[in-house]
Amino acid sequence: MGKKGHGPEEIIGKLREAEVLMAKGATTAEAANAISVTEQTYYRWRREYGGMKVDQVRRLKALERENQRLRRAVSDLTLDKVILTEAARGNY
C-alpha cells in the first residue's frame, strides 16, 4: 500500500488550523499532533507553503512540473548533441 499524499489545499488548511491552535497557546508539538502530522512534517510544510494561498500553490506546482519537463528536454538534447559531435569526429 502506498502512503497517503496530502494535497495542497489540505496542507494549507492544516497549517492554518495549526496556526489557530498556536495562537490560542498550544505548543508546536501539540498543534502538529492535532493536525495528525509530525513536527518535522509541520516545519517542512510551513517552509514550503507558509503564507501561500491555494491558487498560489497550484501555480507553484504547475511551474515545478513545467521546469522538470524542460530540464528533461534539455538533457535529452545535450546527449544527442554529444553523440552527434563524436560521430562527426569519427570516434564511434
Protein backbone atom coordinates (compact mmCIF):
# COMPACT_ATOMS: atom_id res chain seq x y z
CA MET A 1 0.00 0.00 0.00
CA GLY A 2 1.21 3.47 -0.85
CA LYS A 3 1.27 6.24 1.64
CA LYS A 4 -1.36 8.94 1.57
CA GLY A 5 -0.27 12.14 -0.05
CA HIS A 6 -1.74 15.39 1.14
CA GLY A 7 -2.95 17.80 -1.49
CA PRO A 8 -2.00 21.48 -1.44
CA GLU A 9 -5.48 22.53 -0.30
CA GLU A 10 -5.37 20.08 2.59
CA ILE A 11 -1.87 21.14 3.62
CA ILE A 12 -2.80 24.82 3.67
CA GLY A 13 -5.93 24.05 5.68
CA LYS A 14 -3.93 22.07 8.24
CA LEU A 15 -1.30 24.80 8.50
CA ARG A 16 -4.00 27.38 9.18
CA GLU A 17 -5.57 25.12 11.78
CA ALA A 18 -2.18 24.71 13.48
CA GLU A 19 -1.66 28.50 13.46
CA VAL A 20 -5.01 28.97 15.19
CA LEU A 21 -4.12 26.39 17.84
CA MET A 22 -0.74 28.01 18.49
CA ALA A 23 -2.36 31.44 18.73
CA LYS A 24 -4.54 30.00 21.49
CA GLY A 25 -1.42 28.94 23.39
CA ALA A 26 -0.72 25.40 22.17
CA THR A 27 2.87 24.33 21.58
CA THR A 28 4.14 23.38 18.15
CA ALA A 29 4.16 19.70 19.13
CA GLU A 30 0.54 19.88 20.32
CA ALA A 31 -0.56 21.70 17.17
CA ALA A 32 1.23 19.18 14.91
CA ASN A 33 -0.34 16.32 16.83
CA ALA A 34 -3.78 17.93 16.49
CA ILE A 35 -3.46 18.09 12.69
CA SER A 36 -2.15 14.49 12.62
CA VAL A 37 1.37 15.12 11.36
CA THR A 38 4.82 15.02 12.91
CA GLU A 39 6.63 18.18 13.93
CA GLN A 40 9.12 17.60 11.13
CA THR A 41 6.33 17.45 8.56
CA TYR A 42 4.76 20.58 10.03
CA TYR A 43 8.01 22.53 9.72
CA ARG A 44 8.62 21.22 6.19
CA TRP A 45 5.10 22.21 5.12
CA ARG A 46 5.47 25.60 6.75
CA ARG A 47 8.76 26.21 4.93
CA GLU A 48 7.26 25.20 1.60
CA TYR A 49 3.69 26.51 1.86
CA GLY A 50 3.78 29.08 4.67
CA GLY A 51 1.83 32.23 3.83
CA MET A 52 0.61 30.96 0.47
CA LYS A 53 -2.92 30.73 -0.79
CA VAL A 54 -4.32 27.70 -2.60
CA ASP A 55 -4.14 29.27 -6.06
CA GLN A 56 -0.51 30.27 -5.49
CA VAL A 57 0.37 26.70 -4.52
CA ARG A 58 -1.35 25.32 -7.60
CA ARG A 59 0.62 27.72 -9.78
CA LEU A 60 3.87 26.79 -7.99
CA LYS A 61 3.27 23.08 -8.57
CA ALA A 62 2.44 23.67 -12.24
CA LEU A 63 5.66 25.67 -12.68
CA GLU A 64 7.68 22.94 -10.96
CA ARG A 65 6.22 20.31 -13.32
CA GLU A 66 6.99 22.50 -16.35
CA ASN A 67 10.53 23.11 -15.11
CA GLN A 68 11.08 19.37 -14.67
CA ARG A 69 9.79 18.70 -18.20
CA LEU A 70 12.10 21.35 -19.66
CA ARG A 71 15.10 20.00 -17.77
CA ARG A 72 14.45 16.55 -19.22
CA ALA A 73 14.19 18.01 -22.72
CA VAL A 74 17.49 19.89 -22.32
CA SER A 75 19.30 16.82 -21.02
CA ASP A 76 17.99 14.71 -23.93
CA LEU A 77 19.10 17.34 -26.45
CA THR A 78 22.52 17.65 -24.81
CA LEU A 79 23.02 13.90 -25.02
CA ASP A 80 22.01 13.93 -28.69
CA LYS A 81 24.49 16.74 -29.37
CA VAL A 82 27.35 14.86 -27.71
CA ILE A 83 26.58 11.72 -29.70
CA LEU A 84 26.41 13.62 -32.99
CA THR A 85 29.64 15.52 -32.23
CA GLU A 86 31.52 12.29 -31.56
CA ALA A 87 30.05 10.64 -34.65
CA ALA A 88 31.10 13.62 -36.78
CA ARG A 89 34.67 13.30 -35.47
CA GLY A 90 34.69 9.62 -36.32
CA ASN A 91 35.03 8.49 -32.69
CA TYR A 92 32.38 5.83 -32.75
